[in-house]
Amino acid sequence: LAVSFQSLIDRPVATLKEIYQKMLVEHETWERKFEERKPTLSPVGRKNMKREIDEFKQEIHRFAFGIEIINDYPIVMKSFVNMNRTFLKTSKKYSTWRLFQIVFIVSLVPDIAA
């Protein structure tokens, strides 16, 4: 999933919420696969897979909190939009974020805003 700078300029919160919804669906898929595979996994395998799923869930929560901060604080929204506007104007080769990049950035927004 590539996330365009333009969509984050035009509809930042709506775009981020779409990503959030896709992350929730992916998390459900991971949970389902874990339950299907659990009987065939070793105890270490079960522990590792469950840890990965739990860490993904934490990442989703951090991302959601970042969206909330962007939505609730106009100065943060303006800064977020301006960041995307700057990347759109200055990047000659790219017009999108990779998914992991925008999730990482949004997840750090509460820390930056604080």
Protein backbone atom coordinates (compact mmCIF):
# COMPACT_ATOMS: atom_id res chain seq x y z
CA LEU A 1 0.00 0.00 0.00
CA ALA A 2 1.42 3.32 -1.06
CA VAL A 3 -0.02 6.46 0.48
CA SER A 4 0.14 9.55 -1.69
CA PHE A 5 1.38 12.84 -0.32
CA GLN A 6 -1.57 14.47 -2.08
CA SER A 7 -4.16 12.37 -0.27
CA LEU A 8 -2.54 13.31 3.05
CA ILE A 9 -2.76 16.96 2.04
CA ASP A 10 -6.36 16.84 0.76
CA ARG A 11 -7.89 14.46 3.32
CA PRO A 12 -5.33 13.66 6.00
CA VAL A 13 -7.54 12.14 8.69
CA ALA A 14 -9.77 10.22 6.28
CA THR A 15 -6.72 8.76 4.55
CA LEU A 16 -5.12 7.79 7.85
CA LYS A 17 -8.35 6.21 9.07
CA GLU A 18 -8.48 4.10 5.90
CA ILE A 19 -4.98 2.83 6.69
CA TYR A 20 -6.05 2.17 10.28
CA GLN A 21 -9.03 0.11 9.12
CA LYS A 22 -6.79 -1.96 6.84
CA MET A 23 -4.41 -2.53 9.74
CA LEU A 24 -7.30 -3.82 11.86
CA VAL A 25 -8.31 -6.24 9.11
CA GLU A 26 -4.71 -7.43 8.79
CA HIS A 27 -4.50 -7.93 12.56
CA GLU A 28 -7.65 -10.07 12.47
CA THR A 29 -6.06 -12.13 9.70
CA TRP A 30 -2.95 -12.66 11.80
CA GLU A 31 -5.09 -13.71 14.79
CA ARG A 32 -7.03 -16.18 12.65
CA LYS A 33 -3.87 -17.66 11.15
CA PHE A 34 -2.38 -17.99 14.62
CA GLU A 35 -5.39 -19.98 15.82
CA GLU A 36 -5.23 -22.19 12.72
CA ARG A 37 -1.51 -22.85 13.08
CA LYS A 38 -1.31 -23.03 16.87
CA PRO A 39 -1.68 -26.85 17.05
CA THR A 40 1.25 -27.37 14.69
CA LEU A 41 3.61 -24.82 16.24
CA SER A 42 6.19 -25.59 18.86
CA PRO A 43 5.85 -23.79 22.22
CA VAL A 44 8.59 -21.38 21.10
CA GLY A 45 6.84 -20.87 17.76
CA ARG A 46 3.52 -20.12 19.51
CA LYS A 47 5.22 -17.68 21.86
CA ASN A 48 7.02 -15.88 19.03
CA MET A 49 3.97 -15.65 16.79
CA LYS A 50 1.80 -14.38 19.65
CA ARG A 51 4.45 -11.78 20.53
CA GLU A 52 4.48 -10.56 16.91
CA ILE A 53 0.69 -10.28 16.90
CA ASP A 54 0.70 -8.40 20.23
CA GLU A 55 3.39 -5.99 19.00
CA PHE A 56 1.37 -5.33 15.84
CA LYS A 57 -1.66 -4.56 18.01
CA GLN A 58 0.41 -2.05 20.00
CA GLU A 59 1.57 -0.47 16.76
CA ILE A 60 -2.05 -0.10 15.65
CA HIS A 61 -2.92 1.61 18.95
CA ARG A 62 0.02 4.03 18.64
CA PHE A 63 -1.01 4.83 15.07
CA ALA A 64 -4.62 5.46 16.15
CA PHE A 65 -3.43 7.80 18.91
CA GLY A 66 -1.35 9.70 16.33
CA ILE A 67 -4.44 10.10 14.14
CA GLU A 68 -6.38 11.39 17.15
CA ILE A 69 -3.72 14.02 17.89
CA ILE A 70 -3.60 15.12 14.25
CA ASN A 71 -7.39 15.40 14.21
CA ASP A 72 -7.78 17.17 17.57
CA TYR A 73 -5.04 19.81 17.37
CA PRO A 74 -5.17 22.26 14.46
CA ILE A 75 -1.48 23.17 14.76
CA VAL A 76 -0.55 19.49 14.50
CA MET A 77 -2.87 19.04 11.51
CA LYS A 78 -1.34 22.06 9.81
CA SER A 79 2.18 20.77 10.47
CA PHE A 80 1.30 17.31 9.18
CA VAL A 81 -0.25 18.71 5.99
CA ASN A 82 2.71 21.06 5.47
CA MET A 83 5.15 18.17 5.90
CA ASN A 84 3.35 16.27 3.14
CA ARG A 85 3.15 19.40 0.97
CA THR A 86 6.91 19.85 1.36
CA PHE A 87 7.62 16.26 0.36
CA LEU A 88 5.31 16.58 -2.63
CA LYS A 89 7.06 19.75 -3.82
CA THR A 90 10.63 18.65 -3.22
CA SER A 91 10.63 14.98 -4.09
CA LYS A 92 11.48 14.49 -7.73
CA LYS A 93 11.15 10.70 -7.81
CA TYR A 94 8.41 9.96 -5.31
CA SER A 95 4.82 10.99 -4.74
CA THR A 96 3.96 8.48 -2.03
CA TRP A 97 4.99 7.22 1.37
CA ARG A 98 5.58 3.55 1.86
CA LEU A 99 3.13 2.19 4.38
CA PHE A 100 5.72 1.58 7.08
CA GLN A 101 7.00 5.15 6.71
CA ILE A 102 3.68 6.90 7.25
CA VAL A 103 2.68 4.55 10.06
CA PHE A 104 5.99 5.27 11.79
CA ILE A 105 5.62 9.04 11.34
CA VAL A 106 2.02 9.14 12.59
CA SER A 107 2.89 6.89 15.52
CA LEU A 108 5.49 9.44 16.63
CA VAL A 109 3.17 12.45 16.33
CA PRO A 110 2.03 12.31 20.01
CA ASP A 111 5.64 12.31 21.18
CA ILE A 112 6.57 15.17 18.86
CA ALA A 113 3.48 17.19 19.83
CA ALA A 114 4.15 16.71 23.54
